Amino acid sequence: MLPGDTLLIFGAGHVGFVLAQLAHLIGFSTVVIDDREAFANKTDFPMPGRSG
């Protein structure tokens, strides 16, 4: 098995949120980067990957 690809998303606003959801649906691991804790958090981005 090959490892899955990782998508880096810079910005956890409304566009980043939908992009992370779509990426998860097609098998990407996501890393969401945003300096605003109110946006990049495990509550808003519960799919596997990292936020911060």
PDB file of N, CA and C in Angstrom:
ATOM      1  N   MET A   1       0.838  -1.184   0.000  1.00  0.00           N
ATOM      2  CA  MET A   1       0.000   0.000   0.000  1.00  0.00           C
ATOM      3  C   MET A   1       0.883   1.246   0.000  1.00  0.00           C
ATOM      4  N   LEU A   2       0.476   2.213  -0.760  1.00  0.00           N
ATOM      5  CA  LEU A   2       1.182   3.485  -0.797  1.00  0.00           C
ATOM      6  C   LEU A   2       0.595   4.430   0.242  1.00  0.00           C
ATOM      7  N   PRO A   3       1.433   5.282   0.832  1.00  0.00           N
ATOM      8  CA  PRO A   3       0.893   6.252   1.789  1.00  0.00           C
ATOM      9  C   PRO A   3       0.014   7.270   1.073  1.00  0.00           C
ATOM     10  N   GLY A   4      -0.979   7.792   1.772  1.00  0.00           N
ATOM     11  CA  GLY A   4      -1.870   8.794   1.189  1.00  0.00           C
ATOM     12  C   GLY A   4      -1.180  10.134   1.036  1.00  0.00           C
ATOM     13  N   ASP A   5      -1.682  10.931   0.154  1.00  0.00           N
ATOM     14  CA  ASP A   5      -1.142  12.270  -0.047  1.00  0.00           C
ATOM     15  C   ASP A   5      -1.674  13.206   1.028  1.00  0.00           C
ATOM     16  N   THR A   6      -0.905  14.249   1.304  1.00  0.00           N
ATOM     17  CA  THR A   6      -1.287  15.241   2.292  1.00  0.00           C
ATOM     18  C   THR A   6      -1.505  16.577   1.601  1.00  0.00           C
ATOM     19  N   LEU A   7      -2.617  17.217   1.925  1.00  0.00           N
ATOM     20  CA  LEU A   7      -2.932  18.533   1.385  1.00  0.00           C
ATOM     21  C   LEU A   7      -2.732  19.555   2.485  1.00  0.00           C
ATOM     22  N   LEU A   8      -1.895  20.564   2.230  1.00  0.00           N
ATOM     23  CA  LEU A   8      -1.697  21.658   3.175  1.00  0.00           C
ATOM     24  C   LEU A   8      -2.677  22.764   2.824  1.00  0.00           C
ATOM     25  N   ILE A   9      -3.480  23.175   3.799  1.00  0.00           N
ATOM     26  CA  ILE A   9      -4.467  24.234   3.586  1.00  0.00           C
ATOM     27  C   ILE A   9      -4.081  25.417   4.468  1.00  0.00           C
ATOM     28  N   PHE A  10      -3.785  26.527   3.850  1.00  0.00           N
ATOM     29  CA  PHE A  10      -3.419  27.736   4.576  1.00  0.00           C
ATOM     30  C   PHE A  10      -4.645  28.641   4.643  1.00  0.00           C
ATOM     31  N   GLY A  11      -5.232  28.694   5.821  1.00  0.00           N
ATOM     32  CA  GLY A  11      -6.452  29.474   6.035  1.00  0.00           C
ATOM     33  C   GLY A  11      -7.609  28.547   6.339  1.00  0.00           C
ATOM     34  N   ALA A  12      -8.211  28.750   7.503  1.00  0.00           N
ATOM     35  CA  ALA A  12      -9.278  27.859   7.950  1.00  0.00           C
ATOM     36  C   ALA A  12     -10.648  28.533   7.915  1.00  0.00           C
ATOM     37  N   GLY A  13     -10.802  29.483   7.037  1.00  0.00           N
ATOM     38  CA  GLY A  13     -12.099  30.137   6.890  1.00  0.00           C
ATOM     39  C   GLY A  13     -13.076  29.253   6.140  1.00  0.00           C
ATOM     40  N   HIS A  14     -14.111  29.862   5.584  1.00  0.00           N
ATOM     41  CA  HIS A  14     -15.165  29.074   4.938  1.00  0.00           C
ATOM     42  C   HIS A  14     -14.657  28.294   3.731  1.00  0.00           C
ATOM     43  N   VAL A  15     -13.709  28.828   2.980  1.00  0.00           N
ATOM     44  CA  VAL A  15     -13.172  28.103   1.826  1.00  0.00           C
ATOM     45  C   VAL A  15     -12.280  26.953   2.288  1.00  0.00           C
ATOM     46  N   GLY A  16     -11.412  27.188   3.248  1.00  0.00           N
ATOM     47  CA  GLY A  16     -10.554  26.137   3.771  1.00  0.00           C
ATOM     48  C   GLY A  16     -11.337  25.005   4.401  1.00  0.00           C
ATOM     49  N   PHE A  17     -12.425  25.349   5.058  1.00  0.00           N
ATOM     50  CA  PHE A  17     -13.280  24.343   5.693  1.00  0.00           C
ATOM     51  C   PHE A  17     -13.860  23.379   4.655  1.00  0.00           C
ATOM     52  N   VAL A  18     -14.432  23.923   3.591  1.00  0.00           N
ATOM     53  CA  VAL A  18     -15.019  23.084   2.537  1.00  0.00           C
ATOM     54  C   VAL A  18     -13.935  22.315   1.795  1.00  0.00           C
ATOM     55  N   LEU A  19     -12.806  22.944   1.549  1.00  0.00           N
ATOM     56  CA  LEU A  19     -11.699  22.267   0.879  1.00  0.00           C
ATOM     57  C   LEU A  19     -11.222  21.069   1.705  1.00  0.00           C
ATOM     58  N   ALA A  20     -11.125  21.219   3.012  1.00  0.00           N
ATOM     59  CA  ALA A  20     -10.711  20.109   3.882  1.00  0.00           C
ATOM     60  C   ALA A  20     -11.724  18.974   3.841  1.00  0.00           C
ATOM     61  N   GLN A  21     -13.000  19.297   3.821  1.00  0.00           N
ATOM     62  CA  GLN A  21     -14.033  18.263   3.733  1.00  0.00           C
ATOM     63  C   GLN A  21     -13.927  17.487   2.423  1.00  0.00           C
ATOM     64  N   LEU A  22     -13.775  18.215   1.317  1.00  0.00           N
ATOM     65  CA  LEU A  22     -13.657  17.563   0.002  1.00  0.00           C
ATOM     66  C   LEU A  22     -12.390  16.709  -0.078  1.00  0.00           C
ATOM     67  N   ALA A  23     -11.292  17.230   0.439  1.00  0.00           N
ATOM     68  CA  ALA A  23     -10.037  16.480   0.420  1.00  0.00           C
ATOM     69  C   ALA A  23     -10.169  15.182   1.204  1.00  0.00           C
ATOM     70  N   HIS A  24     -10.833  15.238   2.333  1.00  0.00           N
ATOM     71  CA  HIS A  24     -11.043  14.030   3.143  1.00  0.00           C
ATOM     72  C   HIS A  24     -11.878  13.003   2.373  1.00  0.00           C
ATOM     73  N   LEU A  25     -12.898  13.464   1.675  1.00  0.00           N
ATOM     74  CA  LEU A  25     -13.763  12.559   0.918  1.00  0.00           C
ATOM     75  C   LEU A  25     -13.016  11.799  -0.172  1.00  0.00           C
ATOM     76  N   ILE A  26     -11.997  12.414  -0.756  1.00  0.00           N
ATOM     77  CA  ILE A  26     -11.265  11.748  -1.838  1.00  0.00           C
ATOM     78  C   ILE A  26      -9.950  11.122  -1.362  1.00  0.00           C
ATOM     79  N   GLY A  27      -9.750  11.062  -0.043  1.00  0.00           N
ATOM     80  CA  GLY A  27      -8.644  10.298   0.493  1.00  0.00           C
ATOM     81  C   GLY A  27      -7.382  11.046   0.882  1.00  0.00           C
ATOM     82  N   PHE A  28      -7.425  12.370   0.890  1.00  0.00           N
ATOM     83  CA  PHE A  28      -6.262  13.141   1.306  1.00  0.00           C
ATOM     84  C   PHE A  28      -6.247  13.297   2.815  1.00  0.00           C
ATOM     85  N   SER A  29      -5.058  13.275   3.385  1.00  0.00           N
ATOM     86  CA  SER A  29      -4.868  13.719   4.757  1.00  0.00           C
ATOM     87  C   SER A  29      -4.680  15.225   4.666  1.00  0.00           C
ATOM     88  N   THR A  30      -5.208  15.965   5.627  1.00  0.00           N
ATOM     89  CA  THR A  30      -5.116  17.418   5.541  1.00  0.00           C
ATOM     90  C   THR A  30      -4.361  17.996   6.732  1.00  0.00           C
ATOM     91  N   VAL A  31      -3.647  19.064   6.467  1.00  0.00           N
ATOM     92  CA  VAL A  31      -3.030  19.878   7.506  1.00  0.00           C
ATOM     93  C   VAL A  31      -3.570  21.276   7.296  1.00  0.00           C
ATOM     94  N   VAL A  32      -4.316  21.773   8.293  1.00  0.00           N
ATOM     95  CA  VAL A  32      -4.914  23.104   8.201  1.00  0.00           C
ATOM     96  C   VAL A  32      -4.091  24.057   9.056  1.00  0.00           C
ATOM     97  N   ILE A  33      -3.637  25.134   8.441  1.00  0.00           N
ATOM     98  CA  ILE A  33      -2.781  26.093   9.126  1.00  0.00           C
ATOM     99  C   ILE A  33      -3.478  27.449   9.141  1.00  0.00           C
ATOM    100  N   ASP A  34      -3.667  27.957  10.338  1.00  0.00           N
ATOM    101  CA  ASP A  34      -4.277  29.275  10.509  1.00  0.00           C
ATOM    102  C   ASP A  34      -3.861  29.786  11.874  1.00  0.00           C
ATOM    103  N   ASP A  35      -3.447  31.039  11.963  1.00  0.00           N
ATOM    104  CA  ASP A  35      -2.996  31.567  13.243  1.00  0.00           C
ATOM    105  C   ASP A  35      -4.164  31.988  14.142  1.00  0.00           C
ATOM    106  N   ARG A  36      -5.374  31.816  13.663  1.00  0.00           N
ATOM    107  CA  ARG A  36      -6.561  32.150  14.459  1.00  0.00           C
ATOM    108  C   ARG A  36      -7.120  30.866  15.080  1.00  0.00           C
ATOM    109  N   GLU A  37      -6.940  30.710  16.411  1.00  0.00           N
ATOM    110  CA  GLU A  37      -7.396  29.499  17.093  1.00  0.00           C
ATOM    111  C   GLU A  37      -8.895  29.280  16.948  1.00  0.00           C
ATOM    112  N   ALA A  38      -9.649  30.339  16.792  1.00  0.00           N
ATOM    113  CA  ALA A  38     -11.101  30.205  16.643  1.00  0.00           C
ATOM    114  C   ALA A  38     -11.475  29.498  15.343  1.00  0.00           C
ATOM    115  N   PHE A  39     -10.563  29.444  14.382  1.00  0.00           N
ATOM    116  CA  PHE A  39     -10.848  28.819  13.096  1.00  0.00           C
ATOM    117  C   PHE A  39     -10.222  27.438  12.967  1.00  0.00           C
ATOM    118  N   ALA A  40      -8.923  27.316  13.160  1.00  0.00           N
ATOM    119  CA  ALA A  40      -8.228  26.027  12.981  1.00  0.00           C
ATOM    120  C   ALA A  40      -8.234  25.266  14.302  1.00  0.00           C
ATOM    121  N   ASN A  41      -9.237  24.424  14.482  1.00  0.00           N
ATOM    122  CA  ASN A  41      -9.346  23.661  15.717  1.00  0.00           C
ATOM    123  C   ASN A  41      -9.986  22.308  15.433  1.00  0.00           C
ATOM    124  N   LYS A  42      -9.875  21.404  16.393  1.00  0.00           N
ATOM    125  CA  LYS A  42     -10.385  20.035  16.211  1.00  0.00           C
ATOM    126  C   LYS A  42     -11.908  19.984  16.164  1.00  0.00           C
ATOM    127  N   THR A  43     -12.588  20.985  16.674  1.00  0.00           N
ATOM    128  CA  THR A  43     -14.048  21.002  16.621  1.00  0.00           C
ATOM    129  C   THR A  43     -14.536  21.260  15.201  1.00  0.00           C
ATOM    130  N   ASP A  44     -13.944  22.229  14.527  1.00  0.00           N
ATOM    131  CA  ASP A  44     -14.350  22.574  13.163  1.00  0.00           C
ATOM    132  C   ASP A  44     -13.763  21.630  12.118  1.00  0.00           C
ATOM    133  N   PHE A  45     -12.615  21.008  12.437  1.00  0.00           N
ATOM    134  CA  PHE A  45     -11.938  20.114  11.498  1.00  0.00           C
ATOM    135  C   PHE A  45     -11.711  18.760  12.164  1.00  0.00           C
ATOM    136  N   PRO A  46     -12.781  17.982  12.377  1.00  0.00           N
ATOM    137  CA  PRO A  46     -12.654  16.703  13.086  1.00  0.00           C
ATOM    138  C   PRO A  46     -12.074  15.574  12.243  1.00  0.00           C
ATOM    139  N   MET A  47     -11.959  15.762  10.910  1.00  0.00           N
ATOM    140  CA  MET A  47     -11.464  14.688  10.060  1.00  0.00           C
ATOM    141  C   MET A  47      -9.987  14.417  10.350  1.00  0.00           C
ATOM    142  N   PRO A  48      -9.523  13.206  10.054  1.00  0.00           N
ATOM    143  CA  PRO A  48      -8.121  12.882  10.329  1.00  0.00           C
ATOM    144  C   PRO A  48      -7.175  13.873   9.672  1.00  0.00           C
ATOM    145  N   GLY A  49      -6.107  14.163  10.334  1.00  0.00           N
ATOM    146  CA  GLY A  49      -5.133  15.152   9.879  1.00  0.00           C
ATOM    147  C   GLY A  49      -4.752  16.030  11.051  1.00  0.00           C
ATOM    148  N   ARG A  50      -4.236  17.181  10.754  1.00  0.00           N
ATOM    149  CA  ARG A  50      -3.808  18.087  11.834  1.00  0.00           C
ATOM    150  C   ARG A  50      -4.346  19.464  11.550  1.00  0.00           C
ATOM    151  N   SER A  51      -4.535  20.221  12.606  1.00  0.00           N
ATOM    152  CA  SER A  51      -4.859  21.635  12.465  1.00  0.00           C
ATOM    153  C   SER A  51      -3.997  22.403  13.431  1.00  0.00           C
ATOM    154  N   GLY A  52      -3.786  23.655  13.111  1.00  0.00           N
ATOM    155  CA  GLY A  52      -2.964  24.460  14.016  1.00  0.00           C
ATOM    156  C   GLY A  52      -2.538  25.721  13.362  1.00  0.00           C
TER     157      GLY A  52
END
